[in-house]
């Protein structure tokens, strides 16, 4: 469901404009939808100019796809395997080569191994936890660039609030709105979540709800997108009784009312709402967004390539969205961080869960996304980033976060893990950083998660240290870090 400003009985969330929903002109039932989208687009344009920057990779990305592997996948069992290590460190899965020498993987990623010539691996992701050993706090840091104020002993946070720092995609679409009439930022198919803390760091926070993502969170415990041809997006569809011509007539009626009410017209002109009403109207009437959600437009072979599962079809949908002009898409691993079965949170049963459940979906979906973008000429202008909030402990059966772990399980490990980065000028077939013998710590080029976040901003042409103002009107940098320009050619 699209979370938009001006919900019934509430003021607009953007404090800078100082107007309420009652101040906005409404013309009929369908105009409510149009004006609400118009507000969203208007507010997304009312942004401060970014500070000039430059250097390798600057402004290469027109779109960003974040593949967020919530739960923390084990780097040792996927993309940074080790040999000649103790049995309780060594992966149960054999090491195999890939298309690029030096980019060895485990046997769980045969398809991904065929696209390593199109991407970079950062094997030195690292940070020291300060209340960040648990999922929610670590997820918040990566998405916002900041640590949360309130963290309980268990690592849980309070639910999302308007005081939160914005998630990275909200900052991007505020400063870099789409160039076409298209949804700016889409998050799917599940919210960021640990236990009962849902969607923390998945909102626009103090920017206001106008910059929230379009949330595509279908109902059900584990919606099977493989059986769906079209994703239901009712709020992007005209009601059956409202034709396009009728909606157009209502737009003309709005103009007539504006012309006959000079004072209101001046107020509307002040915020240039006419322009954004028209943009919202174009979005609805053009069908661009609706068409992007039509998976039945894809061939059977293409859908099979991505994998007939929720994750794979979400990756396919991400490609369709950026192809249609969406600026930011986040594909969230469809299992809650600390759940069982297909989750990456492998405190127990690592071997079976990774081999039979999670890894095959990751292997098909991520490899297909990268190769498909490349084949269509979209990878040059699309930044793809895939990682979790941390890695897993080098030693199996050892507790590092207070959780219990079986002999066939690994605990949380933020000191060293791996990220995948591709597209938008990122070097191909490149490994940045090296972990030590047991994958416990970086030997060189450590990359903090907020430095990777700074790199995302840099790639879309936004200075990471651009100032925004929080709910107390205090200046804050987007992120207090520099981009990792060594990643770019």
Protein backbone atom coordinates (compact mmCIF):
# COMPACT_ATOMS: atom_id res chain seq x y z
CA UNK A 1 0.00 0.00 0.00
CA UNK A 2 1.24 3.46 -0.83
CA UNK A 3 1.78 5.52 2.32
CA UNK A 4 1.09 9.11 1.34
CA UNK A 5 0.76 12.47 3.10
CA UNK A 6 -2.58 13.85 4.12
CA UNK A 7 -4.21 10.79 5.64
CA UNK A 8 -7.75 11.43 6.92
CA UNK A 9 -7.80 13.56 10.02
CA UNK A 10 -4.08 14.31 9.90
CA UNK A 11 -1.96 17.21 8.76
CA UNK A 12 0.61 16.92 6.05
CA UNK A 13 3.83 15.56 7.46
CA UNK A 14 6.09 18.04 5.74
CA UNK A 15 6.56 20.77 8.32
CA UNK A 16 8.49 23.05 5.97
CA UNK A 17 5.44 23.85 3.87
CA UNK A 18 3.27 24.71 6.85
CA UNK A 19 -0.02 23.75 5.21
CA UNK A 20 -2.60 21.17 6.19
CA UNK A 21 -4.59 18.81 4.08
CA UNK A 22 -7.57 21.13 4.44
CA UNK A 23 -5.64 23.84 2.65
CA UNK A 24 -5.37 21.76 -0.50
CA UNK A 25 -7.92 21.93 -3.29
CA UNK A 26 -9.99 18.80 -3.86
CA UNK A 27 -12.09 18.15 -6.92
CA UNK A 28 -14.14 14.95 -6.61
CA UNK A 29 -13.19 11.52 -5.39
CA UNK A 30 -10.59 10.74 -8.04
CA UNK A 31 -8.92 14.10 -7.46
CA UNK A 32 -8.11 13.04 -3.92
CA UNK A 33 -5.83 10.40 -5.35
CA UNK A 34 -4.37 12.78 -7.91
CA UNK A 35 -3.75 15.56 -5.45
CA UNK A 36 -2.16 13.20 -2.95
CA UNK A 37 0.32 11.96 -5.52
CA UNK A 38 0.78 15.58 -6.54
CA UNK A 39 1.70 16.48 -2.99
CA UNK A 40 4.20 13.67 -2.95
CA UNK A 41 5.88 14.83 -6.16
CA UNK A 42 5.83 18.46 -5.11
CA UNK A 43 7.49 17.71 -1.81
CA UNK A 44 10.06 15.52 -3.47
CA UNK A 45 11.07 18.45 -5.62
CA UNK A 46 11.21 20.94 -2.72
CA UNK A 47 14.72 19.93 -1.78
CA UNK A 48 17.99 21.66 -1.09
CA UNK A 49 20.64 21.65 -3.80
CA UNK A 50 23.34 19.05 -3.42
CA UNK A 51 26.87 20.17 -2.80
CA UNK A 52 29.17 19.76 -5.77
CA UNK A 53 31.45 16.75 -5.76
CA UNK A 54 33.09 14.49 -8.30
CA UNK A 55 35.68 11.79 -8.78
CA UNK A 56 35.45 8.21 -10.06
CA UNK A 57 31.88 6.95 -10.30
CA UNK A 58 30.29 10.34 -9.59
CA UNK A 59 26.74 10.53 -10.96
CA UNK A 60 26.99 7.33 -13.02
CA UNK A 61 23.84 5.75 -11.57
CA UNK A 62 20.41 6.78 -12.78
CA UNK A 63 18.86 4.08 -10.60
CA UNK A 64 19.78 2.01 -7.55
CA UNK A 65 18.68 -1.52 -6.72
CA UNK A 66 19.43 -2.58 -3.16
CA UNK A 67 19.15 -6.34 -2.68
CA UNK A 68 18.91 -6.46 1.08
CA UNK A 69 19.67 -9.89 2.56
CA UNK A 70 18.18 -9.27 5.97
CA UNK A 71 19.22 -11.81 8.55
CA UNK A 72 22.95 -11.68 7.82
CA UNK A 73 24.18 -14.32 5.33
CA UNK A 74 27.35 -16.24 6.12
CA UNK A 75 30.22 -14.88 4.06
CA UNK A 76 32.27 -18.01 4.79
CA UNK A 77 29.58 -20.21 3.24
CA UNK A 78 28.91 -18.07 0.17
CA UNK A 79 31.50 -15.65 -1.24
CA UNK A 80 34.55 -15.76 1.01
CA UNK A 81 35.31 -19.45 1.67
CA UNK A 82 38.48 -20.53 3.45
CA UNK A 83 40.75 -23.57 3.27
CA UNK A 84 43.30 -24.94 5.71
CA UNK A 85 41.27 -23.83 8.71
CA UNK A 86 39.95 -25.73 11.75
CA UNK A 87 36.93 -27.93 11.18
CA UNK A 88 34.62 -25.67 13.20
CA UNK A 89 35.54 -22.75 10.91
CA UNK A 90 35.62 -24.44 7.53
CA UNK A 91 32.45 -24.34 5.48
CA UNK A 92 30.51 -27.52 4.92
CA UNK A 93 30.39 -26.52 1.25
CA UNK A 94 33.24 -27.00 -1.19
CA UNK A 95 35.13 -24.05 -2.59
CA UNK A 96 34.80 -23.57 -6.34
CA UNK A 97 36.22 -21.16 -8.84
CA UNK A 98 34.25 -18.56 -10.74
CA UNK A 99 34.59 -16.84 -14.07
CA UNK A 100 37.28 -14.60 -12.54
CA UNK A 101 40.41 -16.02 -10.87
CA UNK A 102 40.65 -14.86 -7.28
CA UNK A 103 36.88 -14.63 -6.88
CA UNK A 104 36.37 -18.11 -5.48
CA UNK A 105 32.94 -18.96 -4.08
CA UNK A 106 31.33 -21.98 -2.52
CA UNK A 107 29.44 -24.59 -4.49
CA UNK A 108 26.17 -22.92 -3.42
CA UNK A 109 26.58 -20.16 -6.04
CA UNK A 110 27.25 -21.80 -9.45
CA UNK A 111 25.14 -19.29 -11.41
CA UNK A 112 26.52 -16.30 -9.56
CA UNK A 113 30.00 -17.60 -10.38
CA UNK A 114 29.23 -17.03 -14.07
CA UNK A 115 28.60 -13.29 -13.60
CA UNK A 116 31.59 -12.37 -11.41
CA UNK A 117 33.13 -10.70 -14.46
CA UNK A 118 30.37 -8.09 -14.21
CA UNK A 119 30.74 -7.10 -10.54
CA UNK A 120 32.93 -6.35 -7.53
CA UNK A 121 33.12 -8.14 -4.20
CA UNK A 122 33.96 -6.20 -1.05
CA UNK A 123 35.38 -8.85 1.26
CA UNK A 124 36.29 -6.37 3.98
CA UNK A 125 32.97 -5.00 5.18
CA UNK A 126 33.50 -4.33 8.88
CA UNK A 127 32.35 -2.38 11.92
CA UNK A 128 32.69 -2.67 15.67
CA UNK A 129 29.30 -3.12 17.30
CA UNK A 130 28.01 -0.59 19.81
CA UNK A 131 24.61 -2.07 20.54
CA UNK A 132 24.61 -3.26 16.93
CA UNK A 133 25.06 -6.99 17.42
CA UNK A 134 21.34 -7.48 16.82
CA UNK A 135 19.51 -7.20 13.53
CA UNK A 136 17.27 -4.17 13.93
CA UNK A 137 19.95 -1.78 15.15
CA UNK A 138 22.38 -2.94 12.45
CA UNK A 139 19.72 -2.63 9.74
CA UNK A 140 18.97 0.91 10.92
CA UNK A 141 22.63 1.88 10.67
CA UNK A 142 23.06 0.60 7.14
CA UNK A 143 19.88 2.18 5.81
CA UNK A 144 20.12 5.57 7.49
CA UNK A 145 23.82 6.06 8.19
CA UNK A 146 23.11 6.64 11.87
CA UNK A 147 22.74 4.59 15.02
CA UNK A 148 19.39 4.61 16.75
CA UNK A 149 18.84 6.47 20.01
CA UNK A 150 16.91 3.75 21.81
CA UNK A 151 18.15 0.18 21.82
CA UNK A 152 17.04 -2.32 24.45
CA UNK A 153 19.45 -4.90 25.95
CA UNK A 154 18.13 -7.42 23.45
CA UNK A 155 18.97 -5.09 20.59
CA UNK A 156 15.35 -4.29 19.77
CA UNK A 157 14.30 -0.77 18.87
CA UNK A 158 11.14 1.23 19.28
CA UNK A 159 8.76 1.11 16.27
CA UNK A 160 9.24 3.59 13.42
CA UNK A 161 8.62 7.20 14.42
CA UNK A 162 8.60 10.55 12.59
CA UNK A 163 11.85 11.34 14.42
CA UNK A 164 13.78 8.56 12.67
CA UNK A 165 16.53 9.29 10.20
CA UNK A 166 15.36 8.72 6.62
CA UNK A 167 16.17 5.53 4.81
CA UNK A 168 18.69 6.12 2.00
CA UNK A 169 16.15 5.80 -0.83
CA UNK A 170 14.00 8.57 0.62
CA UNK A 171 16.99 10.90 0.68
CA UNK A 172 17.82 10.02 -2.91
CA UNK A 173 14.36 10.60 -4.37
CA UNK A 174 14.01 13.86 -2.45
CA UNK A 175 17.21 15.21 -3.98
CA UNK A 176 16.99 13.36 -7.31
CA UNK A 177 13.33 12.87 -8.32
CA UNK A 178 12.66 10.57 -11.29
CA UNK A 179 12.92 12.10 -14.74
CA UNK A 180 9.64 10.54 -15.89
CA UNK A 181 6.18 10.08 -14.39
CA UNK A 182 7.03 7.01 -12.38
CA UNK A 183 7.06 5.79 -8.79
CA UNK A 184 10.25 7.21 -7.29
CA UNK A 185 11.05 4.54 -4.69
CA UNK A 186 9.65 1.03 -4.29
CA UNK A 187 10.30 -1.35 -1.39
CA UNK A 188 9.26 -5.02 -1.60
CA UNK A 189 8.18 -7.76 -0.91
CA UNK A 190 8.42 -7.68 2.90
CA UNK A 191 9.23 -4.95 5.41
CA UNK A 192 12.52 -4.77 7.24
CA UNK A 193 11.74 -6.67 10.39
CA UNK A 194 13.10 -8.39 13.47
CA UNK A 195 10.53 -9.98 15.77
CA UNK A 196 7.77 -7.40 16.33
CA UNK A 197 9.77 -4.37 15.20
CA UNK A 198 8.44 -3.80 11.69
CA UNK A 199 9.77 -1.39 9.04
CA UNK A 200 12.23 0.41 11.32
CA UNK A 201 14.59 2.29 8.97
CA UNK A 202 12.20 1.65 6.09
CA UNK A 203 10.54 5.08 6.19
CA UNK A 204 11.35 8.67 5.30
CA UNK A 205 11.42 9.55 9.00
CA UNK A 206 11.78 13.25 9.64
CA UNK A 207 11.55 14.08 5.90
CA UNK A 208 7.83 13.37 6.14
CA UNK A 209 5.65 10.69 4.63
CA UNK A 210 5.74 12.33 1.23
CA UNK A 211 9.11 10.63 0.73
CA UNK A 212 8.16 7.20 2.01
CA UNK A 213 8.65 4.34 -0.46
CA UNK A 214 5.80 2.77 -2.35
CA UNK A 215 5.39 -0.30 -0.16
CA UNK A 216 4.61 -3.46 -2.10
CA UNK A 217 3.97 -5.76 0.84
CA UNK A 218 1.39 -8.35 -0.30
CA UNK A 219 -0.66 -10.09 2.34
CA UNK A 220 0.25 -13.56 3.55
CA UNK A 221 3.08 -15.20 5.42
CA UNK A 222 5.11 -16.01 2.33
CA UNK A 223 3.35 -14.79 -0.80
CA UNK A 224 4.30 -16.90 -3.78
CA UNK A 225 4.89 -14.41 -6.60
CA UNK A 226 5.70 -17.29 -8.92
CA UNK A 227 1.97 -17.87 -9.35
CA UNK A 228 1.18 -14.22 -10.01
CA UNK A 229 1.16 -12.58 -13.41
CA UNK A 230 0.23 -9.11 -12.24
CA UNK A 231 0.92 -7.48 -8.92
CA UNK A 232 -2.17 -5.76 -7.54
CA UNK A 233 -1.61 -2.01 -7.45
CA UNK A 234 -5.13 -0.72 -6.97
CA UNK A 235 -3.98 2.74 -5.89
CA UNK A 236 -2.37 3.23 -9.32
CA UNK A 237 -5.51 2.23 -11.17
CA UNK A 238 -8.52 4.32 -12.10
CA UNK A 239 -11.75 3.18 -10.51
CA UNK A 240 -13.99 1.46 -13.08
CA UNK A 241 -16.54 4.28 -12.93
CA UNK A 242 -13.88 6.94 -13.63
CA UNK A 243 -12.71 7.02 -17.23
CA UNK A 244 -9.56 8.79 -18.39
CA UNK A 245 -11.67 11.39 -20.21
CA UNK A 246 -13.70 11.98 -17.07
CA UNK A 247 -10.53 12.41 -15.03
CA UNK A 248 -9.26 14.84 -17.64
CA UNK A 249 -12.48 16.86 -17.39
CA UNK A 250 -12.04 17.05 -13.66
CA UNK A 251 -8.56 18.43 -14.18
CA UNK A 252 -10.04 21.15 -16.38
CA UNK A 253 -12.66 21.84 -13.73
CA UNK A 254 -9.89 22.29 -11.23
CA UNK A 255 -8.26 24.87 -13.51
CA UNK A 256 -11.54 26.73 -13.83
CA UNK A 257 -11.97 26.83 -10.06
CA UNK A 258 -8.41 28.05 -9.64
CA UNK A 259 -8.99 30.84 -12.13
CA UNK A 260 -12.12 31.93 -10.31
CA UNK A 261 -10.52 31.99 -6.87
CA UNK A 262 -7.52 34.35 -7.00
CA UNK A 263 -6.47 34.00 -3.37
CA UNK A 264 -6.50 30.23 -3.46
CA UNK A 265 -4.80 30.36 -6.82
CA UNK A 266 -1.98 32.41 -5.31
CA UNK A 267 -1.61 29.94 -2.47
CA UNK A 268 -1.50 26.99 -4.86
CA UNK A 269 0.96 28.76 -7.14
CA UNK A 270 3.23 29.38 -4.16
CA UNK A 271 3.93 25.66 -3.95
CA UNK A 272 3.52 25.02 -7.68
CA UNK A 273 0.95 22.33 -6.98
CA UNK A 274 -0.54 22.59 -10.46
CA UNK A 275 2.67 21.20 -11.93
CA UNK A 276 2.70 18.23 -9.58
CA UNK A 277 -1.01 17.58 -9.87
CA UNK A 278 -0.44 17.24 -13.59
CA UNK A 279 2.53 14.91 -12.99
CA UNK A 280 0.44 12.73 -10.69
CA UNK A 281 -2.38 12.71 -13.20
CA UNK A 282 0.05 11.68 -15.92
CA UNK A 283 1.39 8.85 -13.75
CA UNK A 284 -2.10 7.42 -13.25
CA UNK A 285 -3.32 7.94 -16.81
CA UNK A 286 -0.18 6.86 -18.64
CA UNK A 287 -0.20 3.42 -17.06
CA UNK A 288 3.60 3.36 -16.92
CA UNK A 289 3.66 2.25 -13.28
CA UNK A 290 0.86 -0.29 -13.74
CA UNK A 291 2.60 -1.83 -16.73
CA UNK A 292 5.84 -2.18 -14.80
CA UNK A 293 4.07 -4.49 -12.35
CA UNK A 294 2.79 -6.77 -15.13
CA UNK A 295 5.02 -9.80 -14.86
CA UNK A 296 2.96 -11.56 -17.51
CA UNK A 297 4.78 -9.39 -20.07
CA UNK A 298 7.89 -11.46 -19.42
CA UNK A 299 8.61 -14.75 -21.18
CA UNK A 300 8.38 -18.02 -19.31
CA UNK A 301 12.11 -18.50 -19.84
CA UNK A 302 12.92 -15.14 -18.25
CA UNK A 303 10.75 -15.83 -15.24
CA UNK A 304 12.38 -19.22 -14.81
CA UNK A 305 15.82 -17.63 -15.08
CA UNK A 306 15.14 -15.42 -12.07
CA UNK A 307 13.55 -18.26 -10.12
CA UNK A 308 9.89 -19.03 -9.55
CA UNK A 309 9.88 -17.81 -5.98
CA UNK A 310 9.19 -14.58 -4.13
CA UNK A 311 12.80 -13.39 -4.14
CA UNK A 312 13.45 -14.20 -7.78
CA UNK A 313 10.28 -12.55 -9.06
CA UNK A 314 10.98 -9.51 -6.88
CA UNK A 315 14.38 -9.17 -8.56
CA UNK A 316 12.68 -9.41 -11.95
CA UNK A 317 10.18 -6.77 -10.90
CA UNK A 318 13.06 -4.55 -9.77
CA UNK A 319 14.51 -4.68 -13.27
CA UNK A 320 11.13 -3.80 -14.77
CA UNK A 321 10.76 -0.85 -12.40
CA UNK A 322 14.14 0.74 -13.10
CA UNK A 323 13.57 0.12 -16.81
CA UNK A 324 10.36 2.16 -16.48
CA UNK A 325 12.12 4.99 -14.63
CA UNK A 326 11.95 4.22 -10.91
CA UNK A 327 14.93 5.79 -9.14
CA UNK A 328 15.36 3.41 -6.18
CA UNK A 329 14.16 -0.16 -5.63
CA UNK A 330 14.87 -2.20 -2.53
CA UNK A 331 14.32 -5.94 -2.70
CA UNK A 332 14.23 -7.26 0.85
CA UNK A 333 14.87 -10.92 1.55
CA UNK A 334 11.34 -12.25 2.07
CA UNK A 335 11.99 -13.91 5.42
CA UNK A 336 12.09 -11.96 8.70
CA UNK A 337 15.60 -11.50 10.09
CA UNK A 338 15.31 -13.91 13.02
CA UNK A 339 12.91 -16.46 11.54
CA UNK A 340 13.72 -20.00 10.50
CA UNK A 341 13.57 -21.94 7.22
CA UNK A 342 14.68 -19.63 4.38
CA UNK A 343 16.12 -16.94 6.67
CA UNK A 344 19.84 -16.14 6.65
CA UNK A 345 19.83 -16.09 10.47
CA UNK A 346 21.41 -19.54 10.70
CA UNK A 347 22.00 -20.12 14.43
CA UNK A 348 21.02 -23.74 13.82
CA UNK A 349 20.64 -26.02 10.82
CA UNK A 350 22.97 -23.97 8.62
CA UNK A 351 23.86 -26.74 6.17
CA UNK A 352 20.34 -27.72 5.19
CA UNK A 353 18.84 -24.23 5.34
CA UNK A 354 21.50 -22.69 3.12
CA UNK A 355 21.84 -25.57 0.67
CA UNK A 356 18.18 -26.43 0.18
CA UNK A 357 16.40 -23.14 0.90
CA UNK A 358 18.13 -19.77 0.86
CA UNK A 359 21.17 -20.17 -1.40
CA UNK A 360 19.40 -21.53 -4.51
CA UNK A 361 17.01 -18.57 -4.48
CA UNK A 362 19.86 -16.09 -4.04
CA UNK A 363 21.97 -17.74 -6.72
CA UNK A 364 19.25 -17.60 -9.39
CA UNK A 365 17.73 -14.23 -8.51
CA UNK A 366 20.87 -12.14 -8.07
CA UNK A 367 22.78 -13.62 -10.99
CA UNK A 368 19.79 -13.18 -13.30
CA UNK A 369 19.32 -9.57 -12.20
CA UNK A 370 22.91 -8.65 -12.96
CA UNK A 371 23.10 -10.49 -16.29
CA UNK A 372 19.67 -9.26 -17.42
CA UNK A 373 20.50 -5.63 -16.65
CA UNK A 374 23.77 -6.03 -18.53
CA UNK A 375 22.13 -7.65 -21.56
CA UNK A 376 19.65 -4.76 -21.78
CA UNK A 377 22.31 -2.06 -21.47
CA UNK A 378 20.89 -0.98 -18.10
CA UNK A 379 23.78 -2.06 -15.88
CA UNK A 380 25.91 0.90 -16.96
CA UNK A 381 23.40 3.25 -15.34
CA UNK A 382 22.04 1.06 -12.53
CA UNK A 383 23.92 0.52 -9.28
CA UNK A 384 23.22 -2.89 -7.74
CA UNK A 385 24.22 -3.50 -4.12
CA UNK A 386 23.63 -6.78 -2.28
CA UNK A 387 24.49 -7.46 1.36
CA UNK A 388 23.12 -8.14 4.81
CA UNK A 389 23.47 -6.24 8.07
CA UNK A 390 26.47 -8.38 9.08
CA UNK A 391 28.11 -11.74 8.41
CA UNK A 392 28.29 -14.88 10.52
CA UNK A 393 30.83 -15.96 13.11
CA UNK A 394 33.92 -17.82 11.87
CA UNK A 395 33.49 -20.49 14.52
CA UNK A 396 30.37 -22.60 14.49
CA UNK A 397 28.61 -23.31 17.75
CA UNK A 398 30.03 -20.24 19.52
CA UNK A 399 27.86 -17.44 20.92
CA UNK A 400 28.96 -13.91 20.01
CA UNK A 401 25.66 -12.05 20.47
CA UNK A 402 24.05 -13.86 23.39
CA UNK A 403 22.12 -16.19 21.10
CA UNK A 404 22.40 -19.94 21.33
CA UNK A 405 24.07 -21.68 18.41
CA UNK A 406 24.28 -25.35 17.49
CA UNK A 407 27.40 -27.01 16.14
CA UNK A 408 25.82 -26.50 12.72
CA UNK A 409 25.16 -22.80 13.18
CA UNK A 410 26.96 -19.47 13.12
CA UNK A 411 26.21 -16.37 15.20
CA UNK A 412 26.16 -12.68 14.23
CA UNK A 413 29.51 -11.26 13.10
CA UNK A 414 29.86 -7.57 12.14
CA UNK A 415 33.68 -7.54 12.21
CA UNK A 416 34.07 -8.96 8.69
CA UNK A 417 31.70 -9.88 5.88
CA UNK A 418 31.08 -9.45 2.15
CA UNK A 419 29.06 -7.13 -0.08
CA UNK A 420 28.34 -7.38 -3.81
CA UNK A 421 28.42 -4.20 -5.91
CA UNK A 422 27.83 -3.93 -9.66
CA UNK A 423 27.02 -1.43 -12.39
CA UNK A 424 27.24 2.36 -12.76
CA UNK A 425 31.00 2.44 -13.34
CA UNK A 426 31.88 -0.16 -10.68
CA UNK A 427 34.94 -2.21 -11.62
CA UNK A 428 34.25 -5.63 -13.11
CA UNK A 429 35.83 -8.82 -11.86
CA UNK A 430 37.32 -6.92 -8.94
CA UNK A 431 37.81 -7.76 -5.26
CA UNK A 432 38.22 -4.92 -2.80
CA UNK A 433 39.70 -5.85 0.54
CA UNK A 434 40.84 -9.14 1.92
CA UNK A 435 39.81 -10.97 5.05
CA UNK A 436 42.20 -12.86 7.30
CA UNK A 437 42.73 -16.63 7.31
CA UNK A 438 39.47 -17.37 9.14
CA UNK A 439 37.31 -14.55 7.76
CA UNK A 440 37.34 -12.88 11.16
CA UNK A 441 38.67 -9.42 10.27
CA UNK A 442 39.85 -7.42 7.26
CA UNK A 443 43.53 -7.53 6.41
CA UNK A 444 43.27 -4.40 4.27
CA UNK A 445 40.81 -1.83 2.94
CA UNK A 446 38.12 -2.15 5.65
CA UNK A 447 34.78 -0.69 4.51
CA UNK A 448 32.27 0.48 7.08
CA UNK A 449 28.59 0.05 6.12
CA UNK A 450 28.05 3.81 6.19
CA UNK A 451 30.94 4.22 3.74
CA UNK A 452 29.07 1.94 1.37
CA UNK A 453 26.00 4.10 1.91
CA UNK A 454 28.10 7.17 1.06
CA UNK A 455 29.17 5.35 -2.10
CA UNK A 456 25.54 4.89 -3.14
CA UNK A 457 24.86 8.62 -2.75
CA UNK A 458 28.05 9.42 -4.65
CA UNK A 459 27.06 7.12 -7.52
CA UNK A 460 23.75 8.92 -8.04
CA UNK A 461 25.44 12.32 -7.96
CA UNK A 462 24.66 13.37 -4.39
CA UNK A 463 27.40 14.52 -2.06
CA UNK A 464 27.15 12.19 0.96
CA UNK A 465 27.67 15.13 3.29
CA UNK A 466 24.77 17.15 1.91
CA UNK A 467 22.90 18.78 4.79
CA UNK A 468 19.31 17.88 5.67
CA UNK A 469 17.28 19.21 8.59
CA UNK A 470 15.74 16.87 11.13
CA UNK A 471 12.45 17.17 13.03
CA UNK A 472 14.03 19.74 15.35
CA UNK A 473 15.30 21.74 12.36
CA UNK A 474 18.87 20.73 13.20
CA UNK A 475 21.35 20.29 10.34
CA UNK A 476 22.57 16.75 9.73
CA UNK A 477 24.71 15.21 7.00
CA UNK A 478 23.14 12.52 4.86
CA UNK A 479 25.94 10.34 6.18
CA UNK A 480 29.19 11.13 7.99
CA UNK A 481 31.45 9.16 5.66
CA UNK A 482 33.31 9.34 2.38
CA UNK A 483 32.54 7.19 -0.67
CA UNK A 484 34.70 4.21 -1.53
CA UNK A 485 35.91 5.48 -4.91
CA UNK A 486 38.36 2.57 -5.28
CA UNK A 487 35.34 0.56 -6.42
CA UNK A 488 34.99 2.58 -9.60
CA UNK A 489 36.93 2.22 -12.82
